[in-house]
Amino acid sequence: MFDSHISGLLSGALLRKVLNNDPISLFEFNCITGILVAGNIPFDTSFASGTRKNPASLQLTIHLSPTSTLVLVVSLEPGSSVFSPSP
């Protein structure tokens, strides 16, 4: 079940928007977290409110295994995010 949910998430158009750094709506972000919850996949989120300098953004950390994580930075508005993915 875990694999099918992750495969669906990784192959979806919504993830392509995130990877292209296109802004997504809060509804779309909730869809991503809903897929993770339905698949019983652990994740963490962080939120940075927008300022005059930086847009509102979210950081989603998906825990794939004890040694592997996937970090997605999601812009809720156009512009450069406050978050920068860890190396």
PDB file of N, CA and C in Angstrom:
ATOM      1  N   MET A   1       0.830  -1.191   0.000  1.00  0.00           N
ATOM      2  CA  MET A   1       0.000   0.000   0.000  1.00  0.00           C
ATOM      3  C   MET A   1       0.878   1.260   0.000  1.00  0.00           C
ATOM      4  N   PHE A   2       1.935   1.250   0.806  1.00  0.00           N
ATOM      5  CA  PHE A   2       2.855   2.383   0.878  1.00  0.00           C
ATOM      6  C   PHE A   2       3.404   2.695  -0.514  1.00  0.00           C
ATOM      7  N   ASP A   3       3.846   1.659  -1.231  1.00  0.00           N
ATOM      8  CA  ASP A   3       4.454   1.865  -2.550  1.00  0.00           C
ATOM      9  C   ASP A   3       3.477   2.444  -3.552  1.00  0.00           C
ATOM     10  N   SER A   4       2.230   1.979  -3.544  1.00  0.00           N
ATOM     11  CA  SER A   4       1.267   2.489  -4.520  1.00  0.00           C
ATOM     12  C   SER A   4       0.922   3.949  -4.249  1.00  0.00           C
ATOM     13  N   HIS A   5       0.843   4.354  -2.983  1.00  0.00           N
ATOM     14  CA  HIS A   5       0.554   5.751  -2.667  1.00  0.00           C
ATOM     15  C   HIS A   5       1.726   6.652  -3.053  1.00  0.00           C
ATOM     16  N   ILE A   6       2.945   6.230  -2.751  1.00  0.00           N
ATOM     17  CA  ILE A   6       4.124   7.023  -3.115  1.00  0.00           C
ATOM     18  C   ILE A   6       4.263   7.084  -4.628  1.00  0.00           C
ATOM     19  N   SER A   7       4.046   5.970  -5.315  1.00  0.00           N
ATOM     20  CA  SER A   7       4.137   5.960  -6.780  1.00  0.00           C
ATOM     21  C   SER A   7       3.120   6.919  -7.392  1.00  0.00           C
ATOM     22  N   GLY A   8       1.903   6.915  -6.874  1.00  0.00           N
ATOM     23  CA  GLY A   8       0.875   7.817  -7.368  1.00  0.00           C
ATOM     24  C   GLY A   8       1.233   9.267  -7.129  1.00  0.00           C
ATOM     25  N   LEU A   9       1.782   9.551  -5.961  1.00  0.00           N
ATOM     26  CA  LEU A   9       2.177  10.922  -5.630  1.00  0.00           C
ATOM     27  C   LEU A   9       3.327  11.387  -6.511  1.00  0.00           C
ATOM     28  N   LEU A  10       4.341  10.544  -6.677  1.00  0.00           N
ATOM     29  CA  LEU A  10       5.525  10.932  -7.434  1.00  0.00           C
ATOM     30  C   LEU A  10       5.265  11.050  -8.935  1.00  0.00           C
ATOM     31  N   SER A  11       4.261  10.352  -9.441  1.00  0.00           N
ATOM     32  CA  SER A  11       4.000  10.406 -10.876  1.00  0.00           C
ATOM     33  C   SER A  11       2.907  11.407 -11.236  1.00  0.00           C
ATOM     34  N   GLY A  12       2.337  12.063 -10.269  1.00  0.00           N
ATOM     35  CA  GLY A  12       1.210  12.947 -10.519  1.00  0.00           C
ATOM     36  C   GLY A  12       1.578  14.322 -11.041  1.00  0.00           C
ATOM     37  N   ALA A  13       0.594  14.951 -11.676  1.00  0.00           N
ATOM     38  CA  ALA A  13       0.768  16.301 -12.225  1.00  0.00           C
ATOM     39  C   ALA A  13       1.013  17.323 -11.122  1.00  0.00           C
ATOM     40  N   LEU A  14       0.431  17.085  -9.953  1.00  0.00           N
ATOM     41  CA  LEU A  14       0.603  18.018  -8.843  1.00  0.00           C
ATOM     42  C   LEU A  14       2.065  18.069  -8.400  1.00  0.00           C
ATOM     43  N   LEU A  15       2.718  16.919  -8.327  1.00  0.00           N
ATOM     44  CA  LEU A  15       4.130  16.906  -7.949  1.00  0.00           C
ATOM     45  C   LEU A  15       4.982  17.596  -9.013  1.00  0.00           C
ATOM     46  N   ARG A  16       4.613  17.446 -10.283  1.00  0.00           N
ATOM     47  CA  ARG A  16       5.352  18.146 -11.344  1.00  0.00           C
ATOM     48  C   ARG A  16       5.264  19.659 -11.148  1.00  0.00           C
ATOM     49  N   LYS A  17       4.102  20.152 -10.698  1.00  0.00           N
ATOM     50  CA  LYS A  17       3.984  21.585 -10.410  1.00  0.00           C
ATOM     51  C   LYS A  17       4.946  21.990  -9.305  1.00  0.00           C
ATOM     52  N   VAL A  18       5.024  21.168  -8.253  1.00  0.00           N
ATOM     53  CA  VAL A  18       5.913  21.464  -7.130  1.00  0.00           C
ATOM     54  C   VAL A  18       7.365  21.454  -7.598  1.00  0.00           C
ATOM     55  N   LEU A  19       7.745  20.451  -8.383  1.00  0.00           N
ATOM     56  CA  LEU A  19       9.129  20.336  -8.854  1.00  0.00           C
ATOM     57  C   LEU A  19       9.506  21.455  -9.817  1.00  0.00           C
ATOM     58  N   ASN A  20       8.530  21.999 -10.530  1.00  0.00           N
ATOM     59  CA  ASN A  20       8.782  23.134 -11.425  1.00  0.00           C
ATOM     60  C   ASN A  20       8.757  24.466 -10.677  1.00  0.00           C
ATOM     61  N   ASN A  21       8.561  24.409  -9.368  1.00  0.00           N
ATOM     62  CA  ASN A  21       8.461  25.587  -8.515  1.00  0.00           C
ATOM     63  C   ASN A  21       7.289  26.482  -8.910  1.00  0.00           C
ATOM     64  N   ASP A  22       6.231  25.873  -9.445  1.00  0.00           N
ATOM     65  CA  ASP A  22       5.000  26.602  -9.732  1.00  0.00           C
ATOM     66  C   ASP A  22       4.206  26.725  -8.434  1.00  0.00           C
ATOM     67  N   PRO A  23       3.586  27.862  -8.189  1.00  0.00           N
ATOM     68  CA  PRO A  23       2.787  27.996  -6.973  1.00  0.00           C
ATOM     69  C   PRO A  23       1.593  27.038  -7.007  1.00  0.00           C
ATOM     70  N   ILE A  24       1.262  26.483  -5.853  1.00  0.00           N
ATOM     71  CA  ILE A  24       0.077  25.644  -5.747  1.00  0.00           C
ATOM     72  C   ILE A  24      -0.823  26.224  -4.669  1.00  0.00           C
ATOM     73  N   SER A  25      -2.067  25.823  -4.697  1.00  0.00           N
ATOM     74  CA  SER A  25      -3.022  26.319  -3.697  1.00  0.00           C
ATOM     75  C   SER A  25      -2.926  25.490  -2.423  1.00  0.00           C
ATOM     76  N   LEU A  26      -3.471  26.017  -1.366  1.00  0.00           N
ATOM     77  CA  LEU A  26      -3.511  25.291  -0.105  1.00  0.00           C
ATOM     78  C   LEU A  26      -4.338  24.017  -0.263  1.00  0.00           C
ATOM     79  N   PHE A  27      -5.377  24.068  -1.076  1.00  0.00           N
ATOM     80  CA  PHE A  27      -6.187  22.879  -1.354  1.00  0.00           C
ATOM     81  C   PHE A  27      -5.332  21.781  -1.984  1.00  0.00           C
ATOM     82  N   GLU A  28      -4.487  22.149  -2.946  1.00  0.00           N
ATOM     83  CA  GLU A  28      -3.620  21.170  -3.595  1.00  0.00           C
ATOM     84  C   GLU A  28      -2.610  20.595  -2.607  1.00  0.00           C
ATOM     85  N   PHE A  29      -2.077  21.436  -1.725  1.00  0.00           N
ATOM     86  CA  PHE A  29      -1.154  20.942  -0.702  1.00  0.00           C
ATOM     87  C   PHE A  29      -1.868  19.958   0.219  1.00  0.00           C
ATOM     88  N   ASN A  30      -3.108  20.266   0.579  1.00  0.00           N
ATOM     89  CA  ASN A  30      -3.881  19.350   1.421  1.00  0.00           C
ATOM     90  C   ASN A  30      -4.145  18.026   0.722  1.00  0.00           C
ATOM     91  N   CYS A  31      -4.278  18.043  -0.600  1.00  0.00           N
ATOM     92  CA  CYS A  31      -4.427  16.797  -1.362  1.00  0.00           C
ATOM     93  C   CYS A  31      -3.183  15.931  -1.209  1.00  0.00           C
ATOM     94  N   ILE A  32      -2.007  16.558  -1.281  1.00  0.00           N
ATOM     95  CA  ILE A  32      -0.756  15.815  -1.112  1.00  0.00           C
ATOM     96  C   ILE A  32      -0.698  15.198   0.276  1.00  0.00           C
ATOM     97  N   THR A  33      -0.996  15.981   1.301  1.00  0.00           N
ATOM     98  CA  THR A  33      -0.938  15.434   2.658  1.00  0.00           C
ATOM     99  C   THR A  33      -2.014  14.368   2.872  1.00  0.00           C
ATOM    100  N   GLY A  34      -3.152  14.509   2.209  1.00  0.00           N
ATOM    101  CA  GLY A  34      -4.199  13.493   2.300  1.00  0.00           C
ATOM    102  C   GLY A  34      -3.744  12.160   1.731  1.00  0.00           C
ATOM    103  N   ILE A  35      -3.004  12.203   0.618  1.00  0.00           N
ATOM    104  CA  ILE A  35      -2.452  10.976   0.032  1.00  0.00           C
ATOM    105  C   ILE A  35      -1.459  10.337   0.995  1.00  0.00           C
ATOM    106  N   LEU A  36      -0.636  11.161   1.628  1.00  0.00           N
ATOM    107  CA  LEU A  36       0.346  10.638   2.585  1.00  0.00           C
ATOM    108  C   LEU A  36      -0.337  10.014   3.797  1.00  0.00           C
ATOM    109  N   VAL A  37      -1.376  10.663   4.309  1.00  0.00           N
ATOM    110  CA  VAL A  37      -2.110  10.122   5.461  1.00  0.00           C
ATOM    111  C   VAL A  37      -2.792   8.810   5.078  1.00  0.00           C
ATOM    112  N   ALA A  38      -3.437   8.784   3.900  1.00  0.00           N
ATOM    113  CA  ALA A  38      -4.129   7.568   3.455  1.00  0.00           C
ATOM    114  C   ALA A  38      -3.149   6.403   3.289  1.00  0.00           C
ATOM    115  N   GLY A  39      -1.934   6.702   2.879  1.00  0.00           N
ATOM    116  CA  GLY A  39      -0.918   5.674   2.707  1.00  0.00           C
ATOM    117  C   GLY A  39      -0.125   5.377   3.963  1.00  0.00           C
ATOM    118  N   ASN A  40      -0.470   6.026   5.080  1.00  0.00           N
ATOM    119  CA  ASN A  40       0.227   5.856   6.350  1.00  0.00           C
ATOM    120  C   ASN A  40       1.725   6.146   6.193  1.00  0.00           C
ATOM    121  N   ILE A  41       2.022   7.217   5.458  1.00  0.00           N
ATOM    122  CA  ILE A  41       3.400   7.625   5.188  1.00  0.00           C
ATOM    123  C   ILE A  41       3.740   8.806   6.094  1.00  0.00           C
ATOM    124  N   PRO A  42       4.770   8.689   6.938  1.00  0.00           N
ATOM    125  CA  PRO A  42       5.101   9.773   7.864  1.00  0.00           C
ATOM    126  C   PRO A  42       5.670  10.993   7.144  1.00  0.00           C
ATOM    127  N   PHE A  43       5.277  12.168   7.638  1.00  0.00           N
ATOM    128  CA  PHE A  43       5.752  13.419   7.049  1.00  0.00           C
ATOM    129  C   PHE A  43       5.706  14.526   8.091  1.00  0.00           C
ATOM    130  N   ASP A  44       6.457  15.591   7.815  1.00  0.00           N
ATOM    131  CA  ASP A  44       6.467  16.802   8.640  1.00  0.00           C
ATOM    132  C   ASP A  44       6.230  17.988   7.720  1.00  0.00           C
ATOM    133  N   THR A  45       5.608  19.037   8.259  1.00  0.00           N
ATOM    134  CA  THR A  45       5.410  20.258   7.483  1.00  0.00           C
ATOM    135  C   THR A  45       5.892  21.464   8.286  1.00  0.00           C
ATOM    136  N   SER A  46       6.340  22.470   7.562  1.00  0.00           N
ATOM    137  CA  SER A  46       6.698  23.761   8.143  1.00  0.00           C
ATOM    138  C   SER A  46       6.085  24.838   7.263  1.00  0.00           C
ATOM    139  N   PHE A  47       5.674  25.942   7.885  1.00  0.00           N
ATOM    140  CA  PHE A  47       5.043  27.035   7.160  1.00  0.00           C
ATOM    141  C   PHE A  47       5.791  28.327   7.435  1.00  0.00           C
ATOM    142  N   ALA A  48       6.041  29.103   6.381  1.00  0.00           N
ATOM    143  CA  ALA A  48       6.626  30.441   6.511  1.00  0.00           C
ATOM    144  C   ALA A  48       5.646  31.422   5.878  1.00  0.00           C
ATOM    145  N   SER A  49       5.160  32.353   6.674  1.00  0.00           N
ATOM    146  CA  SER A  49       4.202  33.325   6.140  1.00  0.00           C
ATOM    147  C   SER A  49       4.905  34.278   5.178  1.00  0.00           C
ATOM    148  N   GLY A  50       4.153  34.806   4.258  1.00  0.00           N
ATOM    149  CA  GLY A  50       4.703  35.714   3.265  1.00  0.00           C
ATOM    150  C   GLY A  50       5.073  37.060   3.866  1.00  0.00           C
ATOM    151  N   THR A  51       6.079  37.663   3.285  1.00  0.00           N
ATOM    152  CA  THR A  51       6.514  39.011   3.666  1.00  0.00           C
ATOM    153  C   THR A  51       6.618  39.829   2.380  1.00  0.00           C
ATOM    154  N   ARG A  52       7.055  41.050   2.505  1.00  0.00           N
ATOM    155  CA  ARG A  52       7.267  41.850   1.299  1.00  0.00           C
ATOM    156  C   ARG A  52       8.409  41.294   0.453  1.00  0.00           C
ATOM    157  N   LYS A  53       9.323  40.581   1.112  1.00  0.00           N
ATOM    158  CA  LYS A  53      10.494  40.052   0.416  1.00  0.00           C
ATOM    159  C   LYS A  53      10.280  38.631  -0.114  1.00  0.00           C
ATOM    160  N   ASN A  54       9.623  37.777   0.676  1.00  0.00           N
ATOM    161  CA  ASN A  54       9.463  36.372   0.324  1.00  0.00           C
ATOM    162  C   ASN A  54       7.997  35.967   0.330  1.00  0.00           C
ATOM    163  N   PRO A  55       7.608  35.068  -0.588  1.00  0.00           N
ATOM    164  CA  PRO A  55       6.227  34.607  -0.623  1.00  0.00           C
ATOM    165  C   PRO A  55       5.946  33.590   0.484  1.00  0.00           C
ATOM    166  N   ALA A  56       4.691  33.386   0.770  1.00  0.00           N
ATOM    167  CA  ALA A  56       4.303  32.328   1.705  1.00  0.00           C
ATOM    168  C   ALA A  56       4.708  30.989   1.103  1.00  0.00           C
ATOM    169  N   SER A  57       5.248  30.112   1.936  1.00  0.00           N
ATOM    170  CA  SER A  57       5.688  28.821   1.429  1.00  0.00           C
ATOM    171  C   SER A  57       5.584  27.756   2.515  1.00  0.00           C
ATOM    172  N   LEU A  58       5.599  26.521   2.067  1.00  0.00           N
ATOM    173  CA  LEU A  58       5.529  25.358   2.935  1.00  0.00           C
ATOM    174  C   LEU A  58       6.703  24.445   2.621  1.00  0.00           C
ATOM    175  N   GLN A  59       7.187  23.773   3.642  1.00  0.00           N
ATOM    176  CA  GLN A  59       8.198  22.740   3.432  1.00  0.00           C
ATOM    177  C   GLN A  59       7.591  21.427   3.878  1.00  0.00           C
ATOM    178  N   LEU A  60       7.615  20.434   3.013  1.00  0.00           N
ATOM    179  CA  LEU A  60       7.070  19.120   3.296  1.00  0.00           C
ATOM    180  C   LEU A  60       8.216  18.126   3.288  1.00  0.00           C
ATOM    181  N   THR A  61       8.431  17.448   4.403  1.00  0.00           N
ATOM    182  CA  THR A  61       9.471  16.429   4.512  1.00  0.00           C
ATOM    183  C   THR A  61       8.784  15.081   4.618  1.00  0.00           C
ATOM    184  N   ILE A  62       8.995  14.230   3.621  1.00  0.00           N
ATOM    185  CA  ILE A  62       8.391  12.903   3.582  1.00  0.00           C
ATOM    186  C   ILE A  62       9.455  11.902   3.991  1.00  0.00           C
ATOM    187  N   HIS A  63       9.154  11.102   5.010  1.00  0.00           N
ATOM    188  CA  HIS A  63      10.092  10.105   5.527  1.00  0.00           C
ATOM    189  C   HIS A  63       9.837   8.777   4.816  1.00  0.00           C
ATOM    190  N   LEU A  64      10.717   8.437   3.860  1.00  0.00           N
ATOM    191  CA  LEU A  64      10.547   7.220   3.077  1.00  0.00           C
ATOM    192  C   LEU A  64      11.076   5.989   3.803  1.00  0.00           C
ATOM    193  N   SER A  65      12.130   6.167   4.558  1.00  0.00           N
ATOM    194  CA  SER A  65      12.722   5.094   5.366  1.00  0.00           C
ATOM    195  C   SER A  65      13.508   5.773   6.482  1.00  0.00           C
ATOM    196  N   PRO A  66      14.063   5.004   7.409  1.00  0.00           N
ATOM    197  CA  PRO A  66      14.846   5.651   8.479  1.00  0.00           C
ATOM    198  C   PRO A  66      16.041   6.462   7.969  1.00  0.00           C
ATOM    199  N   THR A  67      16.515   6.171   6.762  1.00  0.00           N
ATOM    200  CA  THR A  67      17.682   6.884   6.238  1.00  0.00           C
ATOM    201  C   THR A  67      17.381   7.731   5.008  1.00  0.00           C
ATOM    202  N   SER A  68      16.139   7.719   4.519  1.00  0.00           N
ATOM    203  CA  SER A  68      15.800   8.458   3.293  1.00  0.00           C
ATOM    204  C   SER A  68      14.611   9.375   3.516  1.00  0.00           C
ATOM    205  N   THR A  69      14.785  10.641   3.137  1.00  0.00           N
ATOM    206  CA  THR A  69      13.685  11.601   3.203  1.00  0.00           C
ATOM    207  C   THR A  69      13.608  12.344   1.876  1.00  0.00           C
ATOM    208  N   LEU A  70      12.427  12.823   1.590  1.00  0.00           N
ATOM    209  CA  LEU A  70      12.189  13.645   0.412  1.00  0.00           C
ATOM    210  C   LEU A  70      11.693  14.988   0.918  1.00  0.00           C
ATOM    211  N   VAL A  71      12.416  16.066   0.613  1.00  0.00           N
ATOM    212  CA  VAL A  71      12.058  17.396   1.084  1.00  0.00           C
ATOM    213  C   VAL A  71      11.539  18.196  -0.104  1.00  0.00           C
ATOM    214  N   LEU A  72      10.302  18.682   0.009  1.00  0.00           N
ATOM    215  CA  LEU A  72       9.685  19.495  -1.033  1.00  0.00           C
ATOM    216  C   LEU A  72       9.396  20.878  -0.469  1.00  0.00           C
ATOM    217  N   VAL A  73       9.822  21.902  -1.182  1.00  0.00           N
ATOM    218  CA  VAL A  73       9.519  23.272  -0.806  1.00  0.00           C
ATOM    219  C   VAL A  73       8.435  23.747  -1.762  1.00  0.00           C
ATOM    220  N   VAL A  74       7.305  24.148  -1.204  1.00  0.00           N
ATOM    221  CA  VAL A  74       6.124  24.500  -1.979  1.00  0.00           C
ATOM    222  C   VAL A  74       5.844  25.983  -1.829  1.00  0.00           C
ATOM    223  N   SER A  75       5.878  26.708  -2.938  1.00  0.00           N
ATOM    224  CA  SER A  75       5.533  28.129  -2.915  1.00  0.00           C
ATOM    225  C   SER A  75       4.024  28.277  -3.046  1.00  0.00           C
ATOM    226  N   LEU A  76       3.441  29.085  -2.195  1.00  0.00           N
ATOM    227  CA  LEU A  76       2.013  29.364  -2.276  1.00  0.00           C
ATOM    228  C   LEU A  76       1.756  30.613  -3.114  1.00  0.00           C
ATOM    229  N   GLU A  77       2.825  31.335  -3.434  1.00  0.00           N
ATOM    230  CA  GLU A  77       2.767  32.549  -4.255  1.00  0.00           C
ATOM    231  C   GLU A  77       4.005  32.552  -5.143  1.00  0.00           C
ATOM    232  N   PRO A  78       3.990  33.306  -6.240  1.00  0.00           N
ATOM    233  CA  PRO A  78       5.203  33.380  -7.073  1.00  0.00           C
ATOM    234  C   PRO A  78       6.365  34.029  -6.324  1.00  0.00           C
ATOM    235  N   GLY A  79       7.572  33.590  -6.599  1.00  0.00           N
ATOM    236  CA  GLY A  79       8.768  34.181  -5.987  1.00  0.00           C
ATOM    237  C   GLY A  79       9.643  33.111  -5.346  1.00  0.00           C
ATOM    238  N   SER A  80      10.753  33.541  -4.765  1.00  0.00           N
ATOM    239  CA  SER A  80      11.689  32.639  -4.114  1.00  0.00           C
ATOM    240  C   SER A  80      11.280  32.372  -2.689  1.00  0.00           C
ATOM    241  N   SER A  81      11.327  31.128  -2.291  1.00  0.00           N
ATOM    242  CA  SER A  81      10.877  30.704  -0.972  1.00  0.00           C
ATOM    243  C   SER A  81      11.876  31.057   0.122  1.00  0.00           C
ATOM    244  N   VAL A  82      11.375  31.119   1.348  1.00  0.00           N
ATOM    245  CA  VAL A  82      12.217  31.322   2.521  1.00  0.00           C
ATOM    246  C   VAL A  82      13.035  30.052   2.763  1.00  0.00           C
ATOM    247  N   PHE A  83      12.418  28.894   2.522  1.00  0.00           N
ATOM    248  CA  PHE A  83      13.071  27.612   2.769  1.00  0.00           C
ATOM    249  C   PHE A  83      14.063  27.313   1.673  1.00  0.00           C
ATOM    250  N   SER A  84      15.132  26.663   2.042  1.00  0.00           N
ATOM    251  CA  SER A  84      16.042  26.104   1.052  1.00  0.00           C
ATOM    252  C   SER A  84      16.249  24.659   1.449  1.00  0.00           C
ATOM    253  N   PRO A  85      16.055  23.721   0.529  1.00  0.00           N
ATOM    254  CA  PRO A  85      16.184  22.297   0.870  1.00  0.00           C
ATOM    255  C   PRO A  85      17.567  21.981   1.422  1.00  0.00           C
ATOM    256  N   SER A  86      17.606  21.064   2.369  1.00  0.00           N
ATOM    257  CA  SER A  86      18.883  20.619   2.949  1.00  0.00           C
ATOM    258  C   SER A  86      19.652  19.827   1.917  1.00  0.00           C
ATOM    259  N   PRO A  87      20.981  19.899   1.958  1.00  0.00           N
ATOM    260  CA  PRO A  87      21.799  19.128   0.998  1.00  0.00           C
ATOM    261  C   PRO A  87      21.697  17.647   1.264  1.00  0.00           C
TER     262      PRO A  87
END
